[in-house]
């Protein structure tokens, strides 16, 4: 694969970031510099780290950036749980973000496994 843009996980993470921006648009304005900002940054971090890692010369570095992307996904998952429990917007608005994030986490987990096996 020549470009990170060809990775399905990268494409889905871009879709997730856009969905998070829409979702957090429903949040209270008082949260703009709180959880809204954190969720937006975490969602962007996923695709950014996939892209940065893919452009590295060494598989070890690539695997490390994929792990960082995975950690950003876990961060975002936690923030979704918190914001949902605080009723920042209707529960049904979370479904698409939660579904995308779950799929991305599975894809990242598999990609990390594949890249780590290429190192060995």
PDB file of N, CA and C in Angstrom:
ATOM      1  N   UNK A   1       0.844  -1.171   0.000  1.00  0.00           N
ATOM      2  CA  UNK A   1       0.000   0.000   0.000  1.00  0.00           C
ATOM      3  C   UNK A   1       0.894   1.241   0.000  1.00  0.00           C
ATOM      4  N   UNK A   2       0.658   2.131  -0.923  1.00  0.00           N
ATOM      5  CA  UNK A   2       1.525   3.298  -1.084  1.00  0.00           C
ATOM      6  C   UNK A   2       1.140   4.480  -0.214  1.00  0.00           C
ATOM      7  N   UNK A   3      -0.129   4.597   0.126  1.00  0.00           N
ATOM      8  CA  UNK A   3      -0.581   5.764   0.858  1.00  0.00           C
ATOM      9  C   UNK A   3      -1.505   5.360   1.998  1.00  0.00           C
ATOM     10  N   UNK A   4      -1.411   6.089   3.084  1.00  0.00           N
ATOM     11  CA  UNK A   4      -2.327   5.868   4.206  1.00  0.00           C
ATOM     12  C   UNK A   4      -3.771   6.131   3.786  1.00  0.00           C
ATOM     13  N   UNK A   5      -3.946   6.943   2.744  1.00  0.00           N
ATOM     14  CA  UNK A   5      -5.295   7.260   2.258  1.00  0.00           C
ATOM     15  C   UNK A   5      -6.000   6.042   1.674  1.00  0.00           C
ATOM     16  N   UNK A   6      -5.238   4.995   1.393  1.00  0.00           N
ATOM     17  CA  UNK A   6      -5.816   3.751   0.871  1.00  0.00           C
ATOM     18  C   UNK A   6      -6.262   2.809   1.987  1.00  0.00           C
ATOM     19  N   UNK A   7      -5.955   3.142   3.226  1.00  0.00           N
ATOM     20  CA  UNK A   7      -6.319   2.296   4.353  1.00  0.00           C
ATOM     21  C   UNK A   7      -7.780   2.531   4.748  1.00  0.00           C
ATOM     22  N   UNK A   8      -8.552   1.463   4.805  1.00  0.00           N
ATOM     23  CA  UNK A   8      -9.965   1.575   5.194  1.00  0.00           C
ATOM     24  C   UNK A   8     -10.098   2.147   6.601  1.00  0.00           C
ATOM     25  N   UNK A   9      -9.175   1.795   7.496  1.00  0.00           N
ATOM     26  CA  UNK A   9      -9.242   2.298   8.867  1.00  0.00           C
ATOM     27  C   UNK A   9      -9.020   3.808   8.904  1.00  0.00           C
ATOM     28  N   UNK A  10      -8.173   4.321   8.044  1.00  0.00           N
ATOM     29  CA  UNK A  10      -7.949   5.771   7.978  1.00  0.00           C
ATOM     30  C   UNK A  10      -9.214   6.451   7.459  1.00  0.00           C
ATOM     31  N   UNK A  11      -9.806   5.895   6.393  1.00  0.00           N
ATOM     32  CA  UNK A  11     -11.032   6.466   5.828  1.00  0.00           C
ATOM     33  C   UNK A  11     -12.151   6.505   6.874  1.00  0.00           C
ATOM     34  N   UNK A  12     -12.296   5.423   7.615  1.00  0.00           N
ATOM     35  CA  UNK A  12     -13.335   5.358   8.645  1.00  0.00           C
ATOM     36  C   UNK A  12     -13.042   6.338   9.785  1.00  0.00           C
ATOM     37  N   UNK A  13     -11.776   6.533  10.099  1.00  0.00           N
ATOM     38  CA  UNK A  13     -11.440   7.471  11.171  1.00  0.00           C
ATOM     39  C   UNK A  13     -11.724   8.913  10.761  1.00  0.00           C
ATOM     40  N   UNK A  14     -11.594   9.215   9.486  1.00  0.00           N
ATOM     41  CA  UNK A  14     -11.983  10.537   8.979  1.00  0.00           C
ATOM     42  C   UNK A  14     -13.494  10.710   9.120  1.00  0.00           C
ATOM     43  N   UNK A  15     -14.234   9.682   8.758  1.00  0.00           N
ATOM     44  CA  UNK A  15     -15.691   9.701   8.892  1.00  0.00           C
ATOM     45  C   UNK A  15     -16.084   9.885  10.365  1.00  0.00           C
ATOM     46  N   UNK A  16     -15.380   9.189  11.256  1.00  0.00           N
ATOM     47  CA  UNK A  16     -15.661   9.316  12.684  1.00  0.00           C
ATOM     48  C   UNK A  16     -15.403  10.744  13.164  1.00  0.00           C
ATOM     49  N   UNK A  17     -14.303  11.339  12.765  1.00  0.00           N
ATOM     50  CA  UNK A  17     -13.991  12.713  13.189  1.00  0.00           C
ATOM     51  C   UNK A  17     -15.104  13.666  12.760  1.00  0.00           C
ATOM     52  N   UNK A  18     -15.579  13.507  11.540  1.00  0.00           N
ATOM     53  CA  UNK A  18     -16.681  14.358  11.067  1.00  0.00           C
ATOM     54  C   UNK A  18     -17.943  14.121  11.900  1.00  0.00           C
ATOM     55  N   UNK A  19     -18.201  12.869  12.217  1.00  0.00           N
ATOM     56  CA  UNK A  19     -19.376  12.530  13.026  1.00  0.00           C
ATOM     57  C   UNK A  19     -19.262  13.109  14.438  1.00  0.00           C
ATOM     58  N   UNK A  20     -18.057  13.094  15.000  1.00  0.00           N
ATOM     59  CA  UNK A  20     -17.849  13.656  16.334  1.00  0.00           C
ATOM     60  C   UNK A  20     -18.085  15.169  16.319  1.00  0.00           C
ATOM     61  N   UNK A  21     -17.674  15.827  15.265  1.00  0.00           N
ATOM     62  CA  UNK A  21     -17.932  17.265  15.157  1.00  0.00           C
ATOM     63  C   UNK A  21     -19.435  17.537  15.122  1.00  0.00           C
ATOM     64  N   UNK A  22     -20.175  16.737  14.395  1.00  0.00           N
ATOM     65  CA  UNK A  22     -21.635  16.893  14.343  1.00  0.00           C
ATOM     66  C   UNK A  22     -22.232  16.621  15.721  1.00  0.00           C
ATOM     67  N   UNK A  23     -21.835  15.513  16.324  1.00  0.00           N
ATOM     68  CA  UNK A  23     -22.359  15.120  17.633  1.00  0.00           C
ATOM     69  C   UNK A  23     -22.101  16.194  18.682  1.00  0.00           C
ATOM     70  N   UNK A  24     -20.880  16.672  18.764  1.00  0.00           N
ATOM     71  CA  UNK A  24     -20.543  17.651  19.800  1.00  0.00           C
ATOM     72  C   UNK A  24     -21.178  19.017  19.536  1.00  0.00           C
ATOM     73  N   UNK A  25     -21.677  19.219  18.332  1.00  0.00           N
ATOM     74  CA  UNK A  25     -22.429  20.437  18.038  1.00  0.00           C
ATOM     75  C   UNK A  25     -23.709  20.534  18.858  1.00  0.00           C
ATOM     76  N   UNK A  26     -24.203  19.411  19.341  1.00  0.00           N
ATOM     77  CA  UNK A  26     -25.399  19.369  20.187  1.00  0.00           C
ATOM     78  C   UNK A  26     -25.086  19.651  21.660  1.00  0.00           C
ATOM     79  N   UNK A  27     -23.830  19.572  22.023  1.00  0.00           N
ATOM     80  CA  UNK A  27     -23.443  19.702  23.427  1.00  0.00           C
ATOM     81  C   UNK A  27     -23.654  21.139  23.912  1.00  0.00           C
ATOM     82  N   UNK A  28     -23.773  21.316  25.219  1.00  0.00           N
ATOM     83  CA  UNK A  28     -23.927  22.678  25.767  1.00  0.00           C
ATOM     84  C   UNK A  28     -22.725  23.551  25.403  1.00  0.00           C
ATOM     85  N   UNK A  29     -22.997  24.807  25.152  1.00  0.00           N
ATOM     86  CA  UNK A  29     -21.923  25.748  24.796  1.00  0.00           C
ATOM     87  C   UNK A  29     -20.905  25.875  25.937  1.00  0.00           C
ATOM     88  N   UNK A  30     -21.340  25.629  27.149  1.00  0.00           N
ATOM     89  CA  UNK A  30     -20.416  25.700  28.290  1.00  0.00           C
ATOM     90  C   UNK A  30     -19.345  24.616  28.223  1.00  0.00           C
ATOM     91  N   UNK A  31     -19.549  23.605  27.391  1.00  0.00           N
ATOM     92  CA  UNK A  31     -18.585  22.507  27.249  1.00  0.00           C
ATOM     93  C   UNK A  31     -17.656  22.690  26.044  1.00  0.00           C
ATOM     94  N   UNK A  32     -17.762  23.814  25.360  1.00  0.00           N
ATOM     95  CA  UNK A  32     -16.956  24.037  24.159  1.00  0.00           C
ATOM     96  C   UNK A  32     -15.462  23.863  24.420  1.00  0.00           C
ATOM     97  N   UNK A  33     -14.975  24.346  25.550  1.00  0.00           N
ATOM     98  CA  UNK A  33     -13.548  24.233  25.856  1.00  0.00           C
ATOM     99  C   UNK A  33     -13.270  23.090  26.825  1.00  0.00           C
ATOM    100  N   UNK A  34     -14.276  22.268  27.060  1.00  0.00           N
ATOM    101  CA  UNK A  34     -14.131  21.105  27.924  1.00  0.00           C
ATOM    102  C   UNK A  34     -14.190  19.836  27.098  1.00  0.00           C
ATOM    103  N   UNK A  35     -15.205  19.052  27.337  1.00  0.00           N
ATOM    104  CA  UNK A  35     -15.306  17.733  26.708  1.00  0.00           C
ATOM    105  C   UNK A  35     -15.489  17.823  25.188  1.00  0.00           C
ATOM    106  N   UNK A  36     -16.139  18.875  24.710  1.00  0.00           N
ATOM    107  CA  UNK A  36     -16.297  19.042  23.259  1.00  0.00           C
ATOM    108  C   UNK A  36     -14.934  19.118  22.581  1.00  0.00           C
ATOM    109  N   UNK A  37     -14.071  19.975  23.106  1.00  0.00           N
ATOM    110  CA  UNK A  37     -12.723  20.129  22.564  1.00  0.00           C
ATOM    111  C   UNK A  37     -11.937  18.827  22.678  1.00  0.00           C
ATOM    112  N   UNK A  38     -12.032  18.166  23.820  1.00  0.00           N
ATOM    113  CA  UNK A  38     -11.299  16.916  24.038  1.00  0.00           C
ATOM    114  C   UNK A  38     -11.733  15.834  23.056  1.00  0.00           C
ATOM    115  N   UNK A  39     -13.036  15.707  22.848  1.00  0.00           N
ATOM    116  CA  UNK A  39     -13.545  14.680  21.934  1.00  0.00           C
ATOM    117  C   UNK A  39     -13.133  14.958  20.499  1.00  0.00           C
ATOM    118  N   UNK A  40     -13.185  16.200  20.108  1.00  0.00           N
ATOM    119  CA  UNK A  40     -12.777  16.559  18.748  1.00  0.00           C
ATOM    120  C   UNK A  40     -11.297  16.278  18.541  1.00  0.00           C
ATOM    121  N   UNK A  41     -10.488  16.624  19.525  1.00  0.00           N
ATOM    122  CA  UNK A  41      -9.045  16.385  19.409  1.00  0.00           C
ATOM    123  C   UNK A  41      -8.727  14.894  19.376  1.00  0.00           C
ATOM    124  N   UNK A  42      -9.391  14.110  20.225  1.00  0.00           N
ATOM    125  CA  UNK A  42      -9.152  12.665  20.257  1.00  0.00           C
ATOM    126  C   UNK A  42      -9.550  12.027  18.926  1.00  0.00           C
ATOM    127  N   UNK A  43     -10.678  12.459  18.368  1.00  0.00           N
ATOM    128  CA  UNK A  43     -11.127  11.868  17.099  1.00  0.00           C
ATOM    129  C   UNK A  43     -10.169  12.203  15.958  1.00  0.00           C
ATOM    130  N   UNK A  44      -9.657  13.405  15.945  1.00  0.00           N
ATOM    131  CA  UNK A  44      -8.689  13.808  14.915  1.00  0.00           C
ATOM    132  C   UNK A  44      -7.362  13.078  15.108  1.00  0.00           C
ATOM    133  N   UNK A  45      -7.010  12.818  16.342  1.00  0.00           N
ATOM    134  CA  UNK A  45      -5.755  12.136  16.660  1.00  0.00           C
ATOM    135  C   UNK A  45      -5.703  10.728  16.064  1.00  0.00           C
ATOM    136  N   UNK A  46      -6.832  10.073  15.976  1.00  0.00           N
ATOM    137  CA  UNK A  46      -6.852   8.713  15.441  1.00  0.00           C
ATOM    138  C   UNK A  46      -6.340   8.702  14.001  1.00  0.00           C
ATOM    139  N   UNK A  47      -6.981   9.457  13.131  1.00  0.00           N
ATOM    140  CA  UNK A  47      -6.561   9.478  11.719  1.00  0.00           C
ATOM    141  C   UNK A  47      -5.173  10.087  11.548  1.00  0.00           C
ATOM    142  N   UNK A  48      -4.852  11.084  12.340  1.00  0.00           N
ATOM    143  CA  UNK A  48      -3.544  11.739  12.236  1.00  0.00           C
ATOM    144  C   UNK A  48      -2.408  10.780  12.570  1.00  0.00           C
ATOM    145  N   UNK A  49      -2.583   9.981  13.607  1.00  0.00           N
ATOM    146  CA  UNK A  49      -1.530   9.037  13.991  1.00  0.00           C
ATOM    147  C   UNK A  49      -1.422   7.872  13.021  1.00  0.00           C
ATOM    148  N   UNK A  50      -2.530   7.456  12.444  1.00  0.00           N
ATOM    149  CA  UNK A  50      -2.471   6.426  11.402  1.00  0.00           C
ATOM    150  C   UNK A  50      -1.651   6.958  10.230  1.00  0.00           C
ATOM    151  N   UNK A  51      -1.937   8.177   9.817  1.00  0.00           N
ATOM    152  CA  UNK A  51      -1.229   8.783   8.690  1.00  0.00           C
ATOM    153  C   UNK A  51       0.255   8.973   8.995  1.00  0.00           C
ATOM    154  N   UNK A  52       0.550   9.537  10.158  1.00  0.00           N
ATOM    155  CA  UNK A  52       1.951   9.783  10.501  1.00  0.00           C
ATOM    156  C   UNK A  52       2.726   8.476  10.595  1.00  0.00           C
ATOM    157  N   UNK A  53       2.149   7.486  11.242  1.00  0.00           N
ATOM    158  CA  UNK A  53       2.821   6.201  11.377  1.00  0.00           C
ATOM    159  C   UNK A  53       3.092   5.544  10.041  1.00  0.00           C
ATOM    160  N   UNK A  54       2.145   5.650   9.134  1.00  0.00           N
ATOM    161  CA  UNK A  54       2.295   5.024   7.817  1.00  0.00           C
ATOM    162  C   UNK A  54       3.450   5.635   7.030  1.00  0.00           C
ATOM    163  N   UNK A  55       3.763   6.884   7.303  1.00  0.00           N
ATOM    164  CA  UNK A  55       4.840   7.551   6.560  1.00  0.00           C
ATOM    165  C   UNK A  55       6.218   7.337   7.176  1.00  0.00           C
ATOM    166  N   UNK A  56       6.280   6.649   8.307  1.00  0.00           N
ATOM    167  CA  UNK A  56       7.563   6.368   8.950  1.00  0.00           C
ATOM    168  C   UNK A  56       8.302   5.265   8.196  1.00  0.00           C
ATOM    169  N   UNK A  57       9.607   5.264   8.330  1.00  0.00           N
ATOM    170  CA  UNK A  57      10.441   4.314   7.594  1.00  0.00           C
ATOM    171  C   UNK A  57      10.538   2.953   8.264  1.00  0.00           C
ATOM    172  N   UNK A  58      10.296   2.900   9.558  1.00  0.00           N
ATOM    173  CA  UNK A  58      10.486   1.651  10.293  1.00  0.00           C
ATOM    174  C   UNK A  58       9.157   1.120  10.808  1.00  0.00           C
ATOM    175  N   UNK A  59       8.982  -0.177  10.731  1.00  0.00           N
ATOM    176  CA  UNK A  59       7.750  -0.828  11.183  1.00  0.00           C
ATOM    177  C   UNK A  59       7.515  -0.606  12.678  1.00  0.00           C
ATOM    178  N   UNK A  60       8.605  -0.538  13.468  1.00  0.00           N
ATOM    179  CA  UNK A  60       8.443  -0.305  14.901  1.00  0.00           C
ATOM    180  C   UNK A  60       7.767   1.041  15.156  1.00  0.00           C
ATOM    181  N   UNK A  61       8.182   2.048  14.406  1.00  0.00           N
ATOM    182  CA  UNK A  61       7.573   3.372  14.549  1.00  0.00           C
ATOM    183  C   UNK A  61       6.107   3.340  14.110  1.00  0.00           C
ATOM    184  N   UNK A  62       5.849   2.650  13.012  1.00  0.00           N
ATOM    185  CA  UNK A  62       4.479   2.521  12.513  1.00  0.00           C
ATOM    186  C   UNK A  62       3.598   1.887  13.572  1.00  0.00           C
ATOM    187  N   UNK A  63       4.068   0.794  14.164  1.00  0.00           N
ATOM    188  CA  UNK A  63       3.303   0.109  15.211  1.00  0.00           C
ATOM    189  C   UNK A  63       3.056   1.039  16.401  1.00  0.00           C
ATOM    190  N   UNK A  64       4.059   1.825  16.765  1.00  0.00           N
ATOM    191  CA  UNK A  64       3.905   2.751  17.887  1.00  0.00           C
ATOM    192  C   UNK A  64       2.829   3.797  17.593  1.00  0.00           C
ATOM    193  N   UNK A  65       2.816   4.352  16.396  1.00  0.00           N
ATOM    194  CA  UNK A  65       1.800   5.342  16.047  1.00  0.00           C
ATOM    195  C   UNK A  65       0.411   4.708  15.978  1.00  0.00           C
ATOM    196  N   UNK A  66       0.329   3.467  15.552  1.00  0.00           N
ATOM    197  CA  UNK A  66      -0.955   2.761  15.551  1.00  0.00           C
ATOM    198  C   UNK A  66      -1.444   2.553  16.979  1.00  0.00           C
ATOM    199  N   UNK A  67      -0.520   2.270  17.898  1.00  0.00           N
ATOM    200  CA  UNK A  67      -0.902   2.127  19.312  1.00  0.00           C
ATOM    201  C   UNK A  67      -1.384   3.463  19.876  1.00  0.00           C
ATOM    202  N   UNK A  68      -0.774   4.540  19.455  1.00  0.00           N
ATOM    203  CA  UNK A  68      -1.212   5.871  19.903  1.00  0.00           C
ATOM    204  C   UNK A  68      -2.620   6.151  19.357  1.00  0.00           C
ATOM    205  N   UNK A  69      -2.861   5.799  18.099  1.00  0.00           N
ATOM    206  CA  UNK A  69      -4.194   5.959  17.515  1.00  0.00           C
ATOM    207  C   UNK A  69      -5.221   5.142  18.300  1.00  0.00           C
ATOM    208  N   UNK A  70      -4.840   3.911  18.670  1.00  0.00           N
ATOM    209  CA  UNK A  70      -5.721   3.038  19.444  1.00  0.00           C
ATOM    210  C   UNK A  70      -6.019   3.675  20.809  1.00  0.00           C
ATOM    211  N   UNK A  71      -4.997   4.238  21.441  1.00  0.00           N
ATOM    212  CA  UNK A  71      -5.176   4.894  22.739  1.00  0.00           C
ATOM    213  C   UNK A  71      -6.091   6.104  22.622  1.00  0.00           C
ATOM    214  N   UNK A  72      -5.981   6.848  21.532  1.00  0.00           N
ATOM    215  CA  UNK A  72      -6.891   7.972  21.303  1.00  0.00           C
ATOM    216  C   UNK A  72      -8.323   7.475  21.144  1.00  0.00           C
ATOM    217  N   UNK A  73      -8.480   6.315  20.537  1.00  0.00           N
ATOM    218  CA  UNK A  73      -9.804   5.704  20.418  1.00  0.00           C
ATOM    219  C   UNK A  73     -10.378   5.359  21.780  1.00  0.00           C
ATOM    220  N   UNK A  74      -9.539   4.828  22.672  1.00  0.00           N
ATOM    221  CA  UNK A  74      -9.985   4.504  24.028  1.00  0.00           C
ATOM    222  C   UNK A  74     -10.362   5.777  24.791  1.00  0.00           C
ATOM    223  N   UNK A  75      -9.588   6.820  24.576  1.00  0.00           N
ATOM    224  CA  UNK A  75      -9.882   8.122  25.189  1.00  0.00           C
ATOM    225  C   UNK A  75     -11.245   8.618  24.707  1.00  0.00           C
ATOM    226  N   UNK A  76     -11.464   8.554  23.408  1.00  0.00           N
ATOM    227  CA  UNK A  76     -12.729   9.001  22.836  1.00  0.00           C
ATOM    228  C   UNK A  76     -13.895   8.149  23.343  1.00  0.00           C
ATOM    229  N   UNK A  77     -13.674   6.847  23.453  1.00  0.00           N
ATOM    230  CA  UNK A  77     -14.720   5.956  23.960  1.00  0.00           C
ATOM    231  C   UNK A  77     -15.145   6.374  25.372  1.00  0.00           C
ATOM    232  N   UNK A  78     -14.181   6.691  26.208  1.00  0.00           N
ATOM    233  CA  UNK A  78     -14.454   7.144  27.568  1.00  0.00           C
ATOM    234  C   UNK A  78     -15.240   8.451  27.557  1.00  0.00           C
ATOM    235  N   UNK A  79     -14.851   9.363  26.698  1.00  0.00           N
ATOM    236  CA  UNK A  79     -15.528  10.656  26.617  1.00  0.00           C
ATOM    237  C   UNK A  79     -16.958  10.506  26.098  1.00  0.00           C
ATOM    238  N   UNK A  80     -17.170   9.574  25.189  1.00  0.00           N
ATOM    239  CA  UNK A  80     -18.527   9.294  24.722  1.00  0.00           C
ATOM    240  C   UNK A  80     -19.389   8.780  25.872  1.00  0.00           C
ATOM    241  N   UNK A  81     -18.836   7.887  26.664  1.00  0.00           N
ATOM    242  CA  UNK A  81     -19.570   7.335  27.810  1.00  0.00           C
ATOM    243  C   UNK A  81     -19.934   8.448  28.796  1.00  0.00           C
ATOM    244  N   UNK A  82     -18.976   9.307  29.095  1.00  0.00           N
ATOM    245  CA  UNK A  82     -19.215  10.395  30.049  1.00  0.00           C
ATOM    246  C   UNK A  82     -20.262  11.364  29.515  1.00  0.00           C
ATOM    247  N   UNK A  83     -20.093  11.812  28.283  1.00  0.00           N
ATOM    248  CA  UNK A  83     -21.036  12.793  27.733  1.00  0.00           C
ATOM    249  C   UNK A  83     -22.435  12.196  27.590  1.00  0.00           C
ATOM    250  N   UNK A  84     -22.503  10.927  27.261  1.00  0.00           N
ATOM    251  CA  UNK A  84     -23.797  10.255  27.151  1.00  0.00           C
ATOM    252  C   UNK A  84     -24.468  10.176  28.518  1.00  0.00           C
ATOM    253  N   UNK A  85     -23.698   9.856  29.551  1.00  0.00           N
ATOM    254  CA  UNK A  85     -24.265   9.754  30.904  1.00  0.00           C
ATOM    255  C   UNK A  85     -24.701  11.113  31.443  1.00  0.00           C
ATOM    256  N   UNK A  86     -24.128  12.190  30.923  1.00  0.00           N
ATOM    257  CA  UNK A  86     -24.516  13.541  31.326  1.00  0.00           C
ATOM    258  C   UNK A  86     -25.660  14.099  30.480  1.00  0.00           C
ATOM    259  N   UNK A  87     -26.157  13.286  29.554  1.00  0.00           N
ATOM    260  CA  UNK A  87     -27.293  13.675  28.695  1.00  0.00           C
ATOM    261  C   UNK A  87     -27.035  14.967  27.917  1.00  0.00           C
ATOM    262  N   UNK A  88     -25.844  15.067  27.331  1.00  0.00           N
ATOM    263  CA  UNK A  88     -25.515  16.254  26.555  1.00  0.00           C
ATOM    264  C   UNK A  88     -26.310  16.343  25.262  1.00  0.00           C
ATOM    265  N   UNK A  89     -26.803  15.225  24.778  1.00  0.00           N
ATOM    266  CA  UNK A  89     -27.692  15.208  23.625  1.00  0.00           C
ATOM    267  C   UNK A  89     -28.466  13.893  23.654  1.00  0.00           C
ATOM    268  N   UNK A  90     -29.497  13.762  22.828  1.00  0.00           N
ATOM    269  CA  UNK A  90     -30.286  12.516  22.836  1.00  0.00           C
ATOM    270  C   UNK A  90     -29.412  11.289  22.580  1.00  0.00           C
ATOM    271  N   UNK A  91     -29.703  10.234  23.306  1.00  0.00           N
ATOM    272  CA  UNK A  91     -28.897   8.993  23.252  1.00  0.00           C
ATOM    273  C   UNK A  91     -28.767   8.439  21.835  1.00  0.00           C
ATOM    274  N   UNK A  92     -29.810   8.553  21.023  1.00  0.00           N
ATOM    275  CA  UNK A  92     -29.754   7.989  19.667  1.00  0.00           C
ATOM    276  C   UNK A  92     -28.729   8.699  18.775  1.00  0.00           C
ATOM    277  N   UNK A  93     -28.348   9.905  19.128  1.00  0.00           N
ATOM    278  CA  UNK A  93     -27.340  10.650  18.353  1.00  0.00           C
ATOM    279  C   UNK A  93     -25.951  10.027  18.481  1.00  0.00           C
ATOM    280  N   UNK A  94     -25.739   9.199  19.502  1.00  0.00           N
ATOM    281  CA  UNK A  94     -24.442   8.579  19.752  1.00  0.00           C
ATOM    282  C   UNK A  94     -24.203   7.318  18.925  1.00  0.00           C
ATOM    283  N   UNK A  95     -25.253   6.715  18.427  1.00  0.00           N
ATOM    284  CA  UNK A  95     -25.155   5.395  17.794  1.00  0.00           C
ATOM    285  C   UNK A  95     -24.115   5.316  16.682  1.00  0.00           C
ATOM    286  N   UNK A  96     -24.138   6.255  15.747  1.00  0.00           N
ATOM    287  CA  UNK A  96     -23.210   6.193  14.618  1.00  0.00           C
ATOM    288  C   UNK A  96     -21.759   6.333  15.085  1.00  0.00           C
ATOM    289  N   UNK A  97     -21.505   7.260  15.988  1.00  0.00           N
ATOM    290  CA  UNK A  97     -20.142   7.447  16.504  1.00  0.00           C
ATOM    291  C   UNK A  97     -19.660   6.200  17.229  1.00  0.00           C
ATOM    292  N   UNK A  98     -20.511   5.632  18.046  1.00  0.00           N
ATOM    293  CA  UNK A  98     -20.136   4.435  18.794  1.00  0.00           C
ATOM    294  C   UNK A  98     -19.867   3.260  17.857  1.00  0.00           C
ATOM    295  N   UNK A  99     -20.692   3.118  16.838  1.00  0.00           N
ATOM    296  CA  UNK A  99     -20.516   2.030  15.874  1.00  0.00           C
ATOM    297  C   UNK A  99     -19.207   2.187  15.099  1.00  0.00           C
ATOM    298  N   UNK A 100     -18.962   3.390  14.605  1.00  0.00           N
ATOM    299  CA  UNK A 100     -17.722   3.657  13.868  1.00  0.00           C
ATOM    300  C   UNK A 100     -16.499   3.432  14.742  1.00  0.00           C
ATOM    301  N   UNK A 101     -16.546   3.941  15.967  1.00  0.00           N
ATOM    302  CA  UNK A 101     -15.400   3.790  16.864  1.00  0.00           C
ATOM    303  C   UNK A 101     -15.127   2.322  17.159  1.00  0.00           C
ATOM    304  N   UNK A 102     -16.154   1.560  17.403  1.00  0.00           N
ATOM    305  CA  UNK A 102     -15.982   0.131  17.671  1.00  0.00           C
ATOM    306  C   UNK A 102     -15.321  -0.569  16.487  1.00  0.00           C
ATOM    307  N   UNK A 103     -15.775  -0.255  15.295  1.00  0.00           N
ATOM    308  CA  UNK A 103     -15.202  -0.852  14.081  1.00  0.00           C
ATOM    309  C   UNK A 103     -13.744  -0.435  13.900  1.00  0.00           C
ATOM    310  N   UNK A 104     -13.461   0.831  14.126  1.00  0.00           N
ATOM    311  CA  UNK A 104     -12.090   1.347  13.993  1.00  0.00           C
ATOM    312  C   UNK A 104     -11.160   0.680  15.000  1.00  0.00           C
ATOM    313  N   UNK A 105     -11.614   0.516  16.218  1.00  0.00           N
ATOM    314  CA  UNK A 105     -10.780  -0.113  17.250  1.00  0.00           C
ATOM    315  C   UNK A 105     -10.437  -1.549  16.866  1.00  0.00           C
ATOM    316  N   UNK A 106     -11.389  -2.266  16.330  1.00  0.00           N
ATOM    317  CA  UNK A 106     -11.136  -3.639  15.873  1.00  0.00           C
ATOM    318  C   UNK A 106     -10.140  -3.647  14.718  1.00  0.00           C
ATOM    319  N   UNK A 107     -10.304  -2.720  13.784  1.00  0.00           N
ATOM    320  CA  UNK A 107      -9.409  -2.635  12.632  1.00  0.00           C
ATOM    321  C   UNK A 107      -7.993  -2.273  13.072  1.00  0.00           C
ATOM    322  N   UNK A 108      -7.888  -1.321  13.982  1.00  0.00           N
ATOM    323  CA  UNK A 108      -6.568  -0.933  14.489  1.00  0.00           C
ATOM    324  C   UNK A 108      -5.900  -2.084  15.217  1.00  0.00           C
ATOM    325  N   UNK A 109      -6.658  -2.778  16.021  1.00  0.00           N
ATOM    326  CA  UNK A 109      -6.118  -3.917  16.755  1.00  0.00           C
ATOM    327  C   UNK A 109      -5.542  -4.944  15.781  1.00  0.00           C
ATOM    328  N   UNK A 110      -6.250  -5.224  14.723  1.00  0.00           N
ATOM    329  CA  UNK A 110      -5.788  -6.182  13.712  1.00  0.00           C
ATOM    330  C   UNK A 110      -4.557  -5.645  12.988  1.00  0.00           C
ATOM    331  N   UNK A 111      -4.571  -4.375  12.622  1.00  0.00           N
ATOM    332  CA  UNK A 111      -3.445  -3.783  11.907  1.00  0.00           C
ATOM    333  C   UNK A 111      -2.191  -3.770  12.786  1.00  0.00           C
ATOM    334  N   UNK A 112      -2.352  -3.462  14.056  1.00  0.00           N
ATOM    335  CA  UNK A 112      -1.217  -3.502  14.984  1.00  0.00           C
ATOM    336  C   UNK A 112      -0.629  -4.913  15.021  1.00  0.00           C
ATOM    337  N   UNK A 113      -1.476  -5.910  15.102  1.00  0.00           N
ATOM    338  CA  UNK A 113      -1.039  -7.304  15.120  1.00  0.00           C
ATOM    339  C   UNK A 113      -0.249  -7.643  13.856  1.00  0.00           C
ATOM    340  N   UNK A 114      -0.760  -7.233  12.702  1.00  0.00           N
ATOM    341  CA  UNK A 114      -0.100  -7.525  11.421  1.00  0.00           C
ATOM    342  C   UNK A 114       1.260  -6.828  11.346  1.00  0.00           C
ATOM    343  N   UNK A 115       1.299  -5.555  11.711  1.00  0.00           N
ATOM    344  CA  UNK A 115       2.559  -4.809  11.642  1.00  0.00           C
ATOM    345  C   UNK A 115       3.578  -5.381  12.619  1.00  0.00           C
ATOM    346  N   UNK A 116       3.151  -5.727  13.825  1.00  0.00           N
ATOM    347  CA  UNK A 116       4.069  -6.315  14.801  1.00  0.00           C
ATOM    348  C   UNK A 116       4.634  -7.649  14.289  1.00  0.00           C
ATOM    349  N   UNK A 117       3.837  -8.425  13.602  1.00  0.00           N
ATOM    350  CA  UNK A 117       4.324  -9.700  13.046  1.00  0.00           C
ATOM    351  C   UNK A 117       5.301  -9.488  11.902  1.00  0.00           C
ATOM    352  N   UNK A 118       5.206  -8.372  11.213  1.00  0.00           N
ATOM    353  CA  UNK A 118       6.171  -8.049  10.159  1.00  0.00           C
ATOM    354  C   UNK A 118       7.519  -7.673  10.748  1.00  0.00           C
ATOM    355  N   UNK A 119       7.513  -7.195  11.985  1.00  0.00           N
ATOM    356  CA  UNK A 119       8.758  -6.813  12.661  1.00  0.00           C
ATOM    357  C   UNK A 119       9.539  -8.046  13.075  1.00  0.00           C
ATOM    358  N   UNK A 120       8.814  -9.042  13.556  1.00  0.00           N
ATOM    359  CA  UNK A 120       9.463 -10.261  14.089  1.00  0.00           C
ATOM    360  C   UNK A 120      10.148 -11.080  13.027  1.00  0.00           C
TER     361      UNK A 120
END
